[in-house]
Each structure stands twice: as C-alpha cells, then as structure tokens.
PDB file of N, CA and C in Angstrom:
ATOM      1  N   MET A   1      69.615 114.969 104.298  1.00  0.00           N
ATOM      2  CA  MET A   1      69.459 113.687 104.762  1.00  0.00           C
ATOM      3  C   MET A   1      70.518 113.300 105.439  1.00  0.00           C
ATOM      4  N   GLU A   2      71.165 113.131 106.538  1.00  0.00           N
ATOM      5  CA  GLU A   2      71.779 113.308 108.079  1.00  0.00           C
ATOM      6  C   GLU A   2      72.335 111.287 107.945  1.00  0.00           C
ATOM      7  N   GLY A   3      74.117 111.583 108.521  1.00  0.00           N
ATOM      8  CA  GLY A   3      74.264 110.059 108.234  1.00  0.00           C
ATOM      9  C   GLY A   3      75.830 110.342 108.894  1.00  0.00           C
ATOM     10  N   ARG A   4      75.991 109.638 109.968  1.00  0.00           N
ATOM     11  CA  ARG A   4      77.155 108.934 110.555  1.00  0.00           C
ATOM     12  C   ARG A   4      77.908 108.811 109.557  1.00  0.00           C
ATOM     13  N   LEU A   5      79.524 110.127 109.410  1.00  0.00           N
ATOM     14  CA  LEU A   5      81.092 109.425 109.183  1.00  0.00           C
ATOM     15  C   LEU A   5      81.292 107.930 109.320  1.00  0.00           C
ATOM     16  N   ILE A   6      81.773 107.054 108.793  1.00  0.00           N
ATOM     17  CA  ILE A   6      83.149 106.079 109.007  1.00  0.00           C
ATOM     18  C   ILE A   6      84.649 106.395 108.951  1.00  0.00           C
ATOM     19  N   ASN A   7      85.226 106.491 109.791  1.00  0.00           N
ATOM     20  CA  ASN A   7      86.135 106.004 109.329  1.00  0.00           C
ATOM     21  C   ASN A   7      87.030 104.755 108.200  1.00  0.00           C
ATOM     22  N   ILE A   8      86.963 104.967 106.996  1.00  0.00           N
ATOM     23  CA  ILE A   8      87.228 103.645 106.679  1.00  0.00           C
ATOM     24  C   ILE A   8      89.100 103.025 106.230  1.00  0.00           C
ATOM     25  N   GLY A   9      89.644 104.202 107.460  1.00  0.00           N
ATOM     26  CA  GLY A   9      91.394 104.491 107.465  1.00  0.00           C
ATOM     27  C   GLY A   9      91.709 105.385 106.332  1.00  0.00           C
ATOM     28  N   PHE A  10      92.747 106.281 106.499  1.00  0.00           N
ATOM     29  CA  PHE A  10      93.468 106.948 107.020  1.00  0.00           C
ATOM     30  C   PHE A  10      93.089 108.593 106.064  1.00  0.00           C
ATOM     31  N   GLY A  11      92.315 108.853 107.130  1.00  0.00           N
ATOM     32  CA  GLY A  11      91.576 110.001 106.903  1.00  0.00           C
ATOM     33  C   GLY A  11      90.014 109.855 106.412  1.00  0.00           C
ATOM     34  N   ASN A  12      89.906 109.206 105.796  1.00  0.00           N
ATOM     35  CA  ASN A  12      89.065 109.015 104.448  1.00  0.00           C
ATOM     36  C   ASN A  12      87.667 108.646 104.818  1.00  0.00           C
ATOM     37  N   THR A  13      87.283 108.547 104.662  1.00  0.00           N
ATOM     38  CA  THR A  13      85.765 108.774 105.581  1.00  0.00           C
ATOM     39  C   THR A  13      84.185 108.383 104.361  1.00  0.00           C
ATOM     40  N   VAL A  14      82.793 107.335 104.832  1.00  0.00           N
ATOM     41  CA  VAL A  14      82.080 107.255 103.912  1.00  0.00           C
ATOM     42  C   VAL A  14      80.822 107.340 104.800  1.00  0.00           C
ATOM     43  N   VAL A  15      79.688 108.060 104.204  1.00  0.00           N
ATOM     44  CA  VAL A  15      78.706 108.546 105.644  1.00  0.00           C
ATOM     45  C   VAL A  15      77.628 107.627 106.057  1.00  0.00           C
ATOM     46  N   SER A  16      77.351 106.590 106.935  1.00  0.00           N
ATOM     47  CA  SER A  16      77.222 105.519 106.883  1.00  0.00           C
ATOM     48  C   SER A  16      75.167 105.196 106.318  1.00  0.00           C
ATOM     49  N   HIS A  17      75.103 105.277 105.876  1.00  0.00           N
ATOM     50  CA  HIS A  17      73.234 104.926 105.943  1.00  0.00           C
ATOM     51  C   HIS A  17      73.187 104.505 104.125  1.00  0.00           C
ATOM     52  N   ARG A  18      74.939 104.791 103.115  1.00  0.00           N
ATOM     53  CA  ARG A  18      75.013 104.776 101.695  1.00  0.00           C
ATOM     54  C   ARG A  18      75.442 103.775 101.413  1.00  0.00           C
ATOM     55  N   VAL A  19      75.724 103.299 102.891  1.00  0.00           N
ATOM     56  CA  VAL A  19      76.640 101.782 102.561  1.00  0.00           C
ATOM     57  C   VAL A  19      75.699  99.884 102.554  1.00  0.00           C
ATOM     58  N   VAL A  20      75.427  99.940 101.577  1.00  0.00           N
ATOM     59  CA  VAL A  20      75.139  99.029 101.382  1.00  0.00           C
ATOM     60  C   VAL A  20      75.819  97.447 101.829  1.00  0.00           C
ATOM     61  N   ALA A  21      77.058  96.720 101.403  1.00  0.00           N
ATOM     62  CA  ALA A  21      77.945  96.441 101.729  1.00  0.00           C
ATOM     63  C   ALA A  21      79.377  96.714 101.800  1.00  0.00           C
ATOM     64  N   VAL A  22      79.551  95.445 103.694  1.00  0.00           N
ATOM     65  CA  VAL A  22      80.912  95.684 102.917  1.00  0.00           C
ATOM     66  C   VAL A  22      81.658  94.223 102.922  1.00  0.00           C
ATOM     67  N   VAL A  23      82.111  93.879 102.238  1.00  0.00           N
ATOM     68  CA  VAL A  23      82.291  92.199 101.562  1.00  0.00           C
ATOM     69  C   VAL A  23      84.873  91.997 101.695  1.00  0.00           C
ATOM     70  N   MET A  24      84.615  91.275 101.524  1.00  0.00           N
ATOM     71  CA  MET A  24      86.179  90.828 101.594  1.00  0.00           C
ATOM     72  C   MET A  24      86.319  90.634  99.987  1.00  0.00           C
ATOM     73  N   PRO A  25      88.001  91.140 100.166  1.00  0.00           N
ATOM     74  CA  PRO A  25      87.730  91.413  97.923  1.00  0.00           C
ATOM     75  C   PRO A  25      88.482  90.317  98.253  1.00  0.00           C
ATOM     76  N   GLY A  26      88.809  89.341  98.169  1.00  0.00           N
ATOM     77  CA  GLY A  26      89.424  88.008  97.669  1.00  0.00           C
ATOM     78  C   GLY A  26      89.165  86.554  96.833  1.00  0.00           C
ATOM     79  N   SER A  27      87.368  86.625  96.709  1.00  0.00           N
ATOM     80  CA  SER A  27      86.974  86.341  95.826  1.00  0.00           C
ATOM     81  C   SER A  27      87.273  86.688  94.592  1.00  0.00           C
ATOM     82  N   ALA A  28      86.471  85.211  93.415  1.00  0.00           N
ATOM     83  CA  ALA A  28      86.580  85.900  91.892  1.00  0.00           C
ATOM     84  C   ALA A  28      85.028  86.684  92.104  1.00  0.00           C
ATOM     85  N   PRO A  29      83.703  86.770  92.660  1.00  0.00           N
ATOM     86  CA  PRO A  29      82.804  87.970  92.437  1.00  0.00           C
ATOM     87  C   PRO A  29      83.301  88.985  92.216  1.00  0.00           C
ATOM     88  N   MET A  30      84.492  89.418  94.045  1.00  0.00           N
ATOM     89  CA  MET A  30      84.594  90.335  93.919  1.00  0.00           C
ATOM     90  C   MET A  30      85.579  91.166  93.112  1.00  0.00           C
ATOM     91  N   LYS A  31      86.920  90.740  93.002  1.00  0.00           N
ATOM     92  CA  LYS A  31      87.618  90.652  91.390  1.00  0.00           C
ATOM     93  C   LYS A  31      86.712  91.287  90.698  1.00  0.00           C
ATOM     94  N   ARG A  32      85.584  90.837  90.320  1.00  0.00           N
ATOM     95  CA  ARG A  32      85.063  91.187  88.234  1.00  0.00           C
ATOM     96  C   ARG A  32      84.363  91.913  89.007  1.00  0.00           C
ATOM     97  N   LEU A  33      83.609  92.502  89.937  1.00  0.00           N
ATOM     98  CA  LEU A  33      83.156  93.425  90.547  1.00  0.00           C
ATOM     99  C   LEU A  33      84.331  94.513  90.979  1.00  0.00           C
ATOM    100  N   ARG A  34      85.214  94.860  91.357  1.00  0.00           N
ATOM    101  CA  ARG A  34      86.028  95.523  91.193  1.00  0.00           C
ATOM    102  C   ARG A  34      86.831  95.952  90.051  1.00  0.00           C
ATOM    103  N   GLU A  35      86.651  94.877  88.940  1.00  0.00           N
ATOM    104  CA  GLU A  35      87.447  95.540  87.914  1.00  0.00           C
ATOM    105  C   GLU A  35      86.314  95.915  86.841  1.00  0.00           C
ATOM    106  N   LYS A  36      84.648  95.191  87.343  1.00  0.00           N
ATOM    107  CA  LYS A  36      83.790  96.250  85.899  1.00  0.00           C
ATOM    108  C   LYS A  36      83.708  97.761  86.759  1.00  0.00           C
ATOM    109  N   ALA A  37      83.408  97.891  88.083  1.00  0.00           N
ATOM    110  CA  ALA A  37      83.917  99.506  88.678  1.00  0.00           C
ATOM    111  C   ALA A  37      84.494 100.579  88.001  1.00  0.00           C
ATOM    112  N   THR A  38      85.888  99.746  87.392  1.00  0.00           N
ATOM    113  CA  THR A  38      87.083 100.579  87.224  1.00  0.00           C
ATOM    114  C   THR A  38      86.958 101.554  86.062  1.00  0.00           C
ATOM    115  N   ARG A  39      86.390 100.114  84.604  1.00  0.00           N
ATOM    116  CA  ARG A  39      85.846 100.635  83.462  1.00  0.00           C
ATOM    117  C   ARG A  39      84.827 101.313  83.028  1.00  0.00           C
ATOM    118  N   ALA A  40      83.821 101.214  84.177  1.00  0.00           N
ATOM    119  CA  ALA A  40      82.993 102.244  84.625  1.00  0.00           C
ATOM    120  C   ALA A  40      83.201 103.164  85.198  1.00  0.00           C
ATOM    121  N   GLU A  41      84.062 103.568  85.894  1.00  0.00           N
ATOM    122  CA  GLU A  41      84.347 104.717  86.741  1.00  0.00           C
ATOM    123  C   GLU A  41      83.458 105.787  88.018  1.00  0.00           C
ATOM    124  N   ARG A  42      83.118 103.544  88.682  1.00  0.00           N
ATOM    125  CA  ARG A  42      83.279 103.698  89.459  1.00  0.00           C
ATOM    126  C   ARG A  42      84.028 103.422  90.904  1.00  0.00           C
ATOM    127  N   LEU A  43      84.913 103.629  90.642  1.00  0.00           N
ATOM    128  CA  LEU A  43      85.533 102.582  91.664  1.00  0.00           C
ATOM    129  C   LEU A  43      87.060 103.798  92.277  1.00  0.00           C
ATOM    130  N   ILE A  44      86.588 103.573  93.804  1.00  0.00           N
ATOM    131  CA  ILE A  44      87.135 104.809  94.311  1.00  0.00           C
ATOM    132  C   ILE A  44      88.749 103.814  95.590  1.00  0.00           C
ATOM    133  N   ASP A  45      89.764 104.054  95.727  1.00  0.00           N
ATOM    134  CA  ASP A  45      90.963 103.156  96.669  1.00  0.00           C
ATOM    135  C   ASP A  45      91.063 104.594  97.542  1.00  0.00           C
ATOM    136  N   ALA A  46      90.444 104.124  98.317  1.00  0.00           N
ATOM    137  CA  ALA A  46      91.308 104.726  99.866  1.00  0.00           C
ATOM    138  C   ALA A  46      91.899 103.495  99.747  1.00  0.00           C
ATOM    139  N   THR A  47      92.765 103.088  99.914  1.00  0.00           N
ATOM    140  CA  THR A  47      93.890 102.314 100.331  1.00  0.00           C
ATOM    141  C   THR A  47      95.358 102.755 100.838  1.00  0.00           C
ATOM    142  N   GLN A  48      95.093 103.842  99.777  1.00  0.00           N
ATOM    143  CA  GLN A  48      96.952 104.635 100.145  1.00  0.00           C
ATOM    144  C   GLN A  48      97.699 103.997  99.499  1.00  0.00           C
ATOM    145  N   GLY A  49      97.947 102.650  98.784  1.00  0.00           N
ATOM    146  CA  GLY A  49      99.073 102.262  98.135  1.00  0.00           C
ATOM    147  C   GLY A  49      99.003 100.764  98.929  1.00  0.00           C
ATOM    148  N   ARG A  50      97.622 100.527 100.008  1.00  0.00           N
ATOM    149  CA  ARG A  50      98.230  99.857 100.877  1.00  0.00           C
ATOM    150  C   ARG A  50      97.632  98.609 100.241  1.00  0.00           C
ATOM    151  N   LYS A  51      97.530  97.260 100.863  1.00  0.00           N
ATOM    152  CA  LYS A  51      96.085  96.016 100.708  1.00  0.00           C
ATOM    153  C   LYS A  51      94.773  96.244 101.204  1.00  0.00           C
ATOM    154  N   THR A  52      94.245  95.924 100.145  1.00  0.00           N
ATOM    155  CA  THR A  52      92.871  95.981 100.193  1.00  0.00           C
ATOM    156  C   THR A  52      92.156  94.892 100.477  1.00  0.00           C
ATOM    157  N   ARG A  53      91.929  95.454 102.128  1.00  0.00           N
ATOM    158  CA  ARG A  53      91.961  94.477 103.103  1.00  0.00           C
ATOM    159  C   ARG A  53      89.281  93.972 103.168  1.00  0.00           C
ATOM    160  N   SER A  54      89.271  95.410 102.490  1.00  0.00           N
ATOM    161  CA  SER A  54      88.001  95.108 102.507  1.00  0.00           C
ATOM    162  C   SER A  54      87.145  95.774 101.754  1.00  0.00           C
ATOM    163  N   ILE A  55      86.038  96.486 100.910  1.00  0.00           N
ATOM    164  CA  ILE A  55      85.422  96.523  99.431  1.00  0.00           C
ATOM    165  C   ILE A  55      84.150  97.101  99.948  1.00  0.00           C
ATOM    166  N   ILE A  56      83.570  98.062 100.657  1.00  0.00           N
ATOM    167  CA  ILE A  56      82.920  98.992 100.022  1.00  0.00           C
ATOM    168  C   ILE A  56      81.942  98.802  99.396  1.00  0.00           C
ATOM    169  N   ILE A  57      80.429  98.550  99.555  1.00  0.00           N
ATOM    170  CA  ILE A  57      79.594  98.919  98.646  1.00  0.00           C
ATOM    171  C   ILE A  57      78.552 100.116  98.558  1.00  0.00           C
ATOM    172  N   THR A  58      78.107 100.747  97.444  1.00  0.00           N
ATOM    173  CA  THR A  58      77.023 101.894  98.521  1.00  0.00           C
ATOM    174  C   THR A  58      76.531 101.936  97.324  1.00  0.00           C
ATOM    175  N   ASP A  59      75.173 102.896  97.828  1.00  0.00           N
ATOM    176  CA  ASP A  59      74.065 102.909  97.020  1.00  0.00           C
ATOM    177  C   ASP A  59      73.674 103.551  95.803  1.00  0.00           C
ATOM    178  N   SER A  60      75.366 103.865  95.745  1.00  0.00           N
ATOM    179  CA  SER A  60      75.126 105.339  93.978  1.00  0.00           C
ATOM    180  C   SER A  60      75.512 104.630  93.075  1.00  0.00           C
ATOM    181  N   ASN A  61      75.914 102.528  93.453  1.00  0.00           N
ATOM    182  CA  ASN A  61      76.964 101.359  93.032  1.00  0.00           C
ATOM    183  C   ASN A  61      78.460 102.107  92.495  1.00  0.00           C
ATOM    184  N   HIS A  62      78.697 102.974  93.814  1.00  0.00           N
ATOM    185  CA  HIS A  62      80.220 103.354  93.776  1.00  0.00           C
ATOM    186  C   HIS A  62      80.015 102.050  94.744  1.00  0.00           C
ATOM    187  N   VAL A  63      82.229 101.405  94.590  1.00  0.00           N
ATOM    188  CA  VAL A  63      83.465 100.777  94.605  1.00  0.00           C
ATOM    189  C   VAL A  63      84.032 101.126  95.589  1.00  0.00           C
ATOM    190  N   ILE A  64      84.067 100.604  96.861  1.00  0.00           N
ATOM    191  CA  ILE A  64      84.848 102.558  97.621  1.00  0.00           C
ATOM    192  C   ILE A  64      85.819 100.398  98.461  1.00  0.00           C
ATOM    193  N   LEU A  65      87.324 100.790  97.620  1.00  0.00           N
ATOM    194  CA  LEU A  65      88.705  99.451  98.061  1.00  0.00           C
ATOM    195  C   LEU A  65      89.096 100.583  99.266  1.00  0.00           C
ATOM    196  N   SER A  66      89.237  99.690 100.376  1.00  0.00           N
ATOM    197  CA  SER A  66      89.507  99.368 101.923  1.00  0.00           C
ATOM    198  C   SER A  66      90.977  99.014 102.266  1.00  0.00           C
ATOM    199  N   ALA A  67      91.818  99.813 102.931  1.00  0.00           N
ATOM    200  CA  ALA A  67      92.816  98.842 103.958  1.00  0.00           C
ATOM    201  C   ALA A  67      91.978  98.445 105.095  1.00  0.00           C
ATOM    202  N   VAL A  68      91.291  98.679 105.887  1.00  0.00           N
ATOM    203  CA  VAL A  68      90.621  98.219 107.041  1.00  0.00           C
ATOM    204  C   VAL A  68      90.262  96.852 106.393  1.00  0.00           C
ATOM    205  N   HIS A  69      90.363  96.320 108.345  1.00  0.00           N
ATOM    206  CA  HIS A  69      89.150  95.008 107.567  1.00  0.00           C
ATOM    207  C   HIS A  69      87.829  94.611 107.245  1.00  0.00           C
ATOM    208  N   ALA A  70      87.020  94.522 106.813  1.00  0.00           N
ATOM    209  CA  ALA A  70      85.997  93.654 106.528  1.00  0.00           C
ATOM    210  C   ALA A  70      84.658  94.269 107.844  1.00  0.00           C
ATOM    211  N   ASP A  71      85.810  93.507 108.572  1.00  0.00           N
ATOM    212  CA  ASP A  71      84.877  92.817 110.411  1.00  0.00           C
ATOM    213  C   ASP A  71      84.899  94.291 111.464  1.00  0.00           C
ATOM    214  N   THR A  72      86.894  95.118 111.654  1.00  0.00           N
ATOM    215  CA  THR A  72      86.537  96.626 111.570  1.00  0.00           C
ATOM    216  C   THR A  72      85.910  97.541 111.390  1.00  0.00           C
ATOM    217  N   LEU A  73      85.084  97.427 109.894  1.00  0.00           N
ATOM    218  CA  LEU A  73      83.869  98.147 109.316  1.00  0.00           C
ATOM    219  C   LEU A  73      82.673  97.702 109.676  1.00  0.00           C
ATOM    220  N   SER A  74      82.266  96.291 110.066  1.00  0.00           N
ATOM    221  CA  SER A  74      81.372  96.744 110.043  1.00  0.00           C
ATOM    222  C   SER A  74      81.073  96.831 111.906  1.00  0.00           C
ATOM    223  N   LEU A  75      82.151  96.422 112.429  1.00  0.00           N
ATOM    224  CA  LEU A  75      82.134  96.874 114.000  1.00  0.00           C
ATOM    225  C   LEU A  75      82.134  98.645 113.787  1.00  0.00           C
ATOM    226  N   ARG A  76      82.119  99.379 113.026  1.00  0.00           N
ATOM    227  CA  ARG A  76      82.691 100.727 113.242  1.00  0.00           C
ATOM    228  C   ARG A  76      80.879 101.109 112.140  1.00  0.00           C
ATOM    229  N   LEU A  77      80.184 100.107 111.547  1.00  0.00           N
ATOM    230  CA  LEU A  77      78.863 100.565 111.445  1.00  0.00           C
ATOM    231  C   LEU A  77      78.101 100.509 112.372  1.00  0.00           C
ATOM    232  N   ASN A  78      77.884  99.110 113.043  1.00  0.00           N
ATOM    233  CA  ASN A  78      77.225  99.189 113.914  1.00  0.00           C
ATOM    234  C   ASN A  78      76.905  99.596 115.090  1.00  0.00           C
ATOM    235  N   GLY A  79      78.710 101.181 115.675  1.00  0.00           N
ATOM    236  CA  GLY A  79      78.159 101.252 116.158  1.00  0.00           C
ATOM    237  C   GLY A  79      79.019 101.383 117.232  1.00  0.00           C
ATOM    238  N   ASN A  80      79.891 100.415 117.282  1.00  0.00           N
ATOM    239  CA  ASN A  80      81.227  99.214 117.875  1.00  0.00           C
ATOM    240  C   ASN A  80      82.143 100.760 117.144  1.00  0.00           C
ATOM    241  N   HIS A  81      83.305 100.513 118.343  1.00  0.00           N
ATOM    242  CA  HIS A  81      84.125 101.749 117.585  1.00  0.00           C
ATOM    243  C   HIS A  81      85.808 101.135 118.083  1.00  0.00           C
ATOM    244  N   THR A  82      84.688 100.326 119.112  1.00  0.00           N
ATOM    245  CA  THR A  82      86.658  99.782 119.593  1.00  0.00           C
ATOM    246  C   THR A  82      85.879  97.641 119.904  1.00  0.00           C
ATOM    247  N   LEU A  83      86.906  96.718 120.286  1.00  0.00           N
ATOM    248  CA  LEU A  83      87.202  95.804 119.435  1.00  0.00           C
ATOM    249  C   LEU A  83      86.820  95.511 121.238  1.00  0.00           C
ATOM    250  N   PRO A  84      86.021  94.268 121.057  1.00  0.00           N
ATOM    251  CA  PRO A  84      85.486  93.763 123.099  1.00  0.00           C
ATOM    252  C   PRO A  84      86.228  93.959 122.971  1.00  0.00           C
ATOM    253  N   ALA A  85      86.782  93.366 124.861  1.00  0.00           N
ATOM    254  CA  ALA A  85      87.587  93.420 125.451  1.00  0.00           C
ATOM    255  C   ALA A  85      87.597  91.483 125.674  1.00  0.00           C
ATOM    256  N   ARG A  86      89.032  91.164 125.615  1.00  0.00           N
ATOM    257  CA  ARG A  86      89.115  89.406 125.973  1.00  0.00           C
ATOM    258  C   ARG A  86      89.094  89.413 126.711  1.00  0.00           C
ATOM    259  N   GLN A  87      88.403  88.148 128.367  1.00  0.00           N
ATOM    260  CA  GLN A  87      88.610  88.192 129.564  1.00  0.00           C
ATOM    261  C   GLN A  87      89.454  87.186 129.217  1.00  0.00           C
ATOM    262  N   ASP A  88      90.693  87.439 130.333  1.00  0.00           N
ATOM    263  CA  ASP A  88      91.755  86.554 130.221  1.00  0.00           C
ATOM    264  C   ASP A  88      91.648  85.185 131.227  1.00  0.00           C
ATOM    265  N   PRO A  89      91.304  84.187 130.664  1.00  0.00           N
ATOM    266  CA  PRO A  89      90.943  82.706 131.320  1.00  0.00           C
ATOM    267  C   PRO A  89      91.400  82.620 132.685  1.00  0.00           C
ATOM    268  N   GLU A  90      92.253  83.130 132.734  1.00  0.00           N
ATOM    269  CA  GLU A  90      93.030  82.473 134.608  1.00  0.00           C
ATOM    270  C   GLU A  90      92.631  83.904 135.453  1.00  0.00           C
ATOM    271  N   LYS A  91      91.587  85.311 135.174  1.00  0.00           N
ATOM    272  CA  LYS A  91      90.594  85.744 135.930  1.00  0.00           C
ATOM    273  C   LYS A  91      89.244  85.267 136.001  1.00  0.00           C
ATOM    274  N   ALA A  92      89.068  84.705 134.967  1.00  0.00           N
ATOM    275  CA  ALA A  92      86.586  84.568 135.002  1.00  0.00           C
ATOM    276  C   ALA A  92      87.301  83.850 136.782  1.00  0.00           C
ATOM    277  N   ASP A  93      85.676  84.321 136.427  1.00  0.00           N
ATOM    278  CA  ASP A  93      84.841  84.292 137.637  1.00  0.00           C
ATOM    279  C   ASP A  93      84.210  82.601 138.226  1.00  0.00           C
TER     280      ASP A  93
END
C-alpha cells in the first residue's frame, strides 16, 4: 500500500494514509493522550527540541509530536503545500 510522505518538520515525514487526526496540543485531554502514549512507549517526538505545536495520531495508535502548526499539516495532508495568497484590498477589482 503506497501513500504520500508528508513533511512534519525538520526532515521528518509521515505516510499520509496512516494519519487519523491532527490536533492541537494544549487541551487537557491531549496532554493525557500524550502521557498515556509515553507510558505505552507509543510516543514519537519529532519536534527536535522545539515547542510542540501539533499532535498527530496514527492508525497504529502512535502519537507523534510535531513543531509544525496543525493548520499547516492539514493543508499538507489535503495536498496544498502552500498557503493561499492573500488579496490586497487596495488591488481588488
């Protein structure tokens, strides 16, 4: 089974079809999820020591920490590798 590799920061990648969810790390349930994954040895820290900005949950129950924002990862998973250009209101037709 093939899938696209999605860059999750610092040269780390994840296979797109294995991703179940990309969530923000700040809530209490996500902190508990991270702690449970640590105890079960299913946590993968791909932040390279940076602040965790998103948590990726895979179909194998692995929890991956990323320094890339969840919005950016969502765009990459949807096939959009760049942010949409903002229109300048002064140049609007």
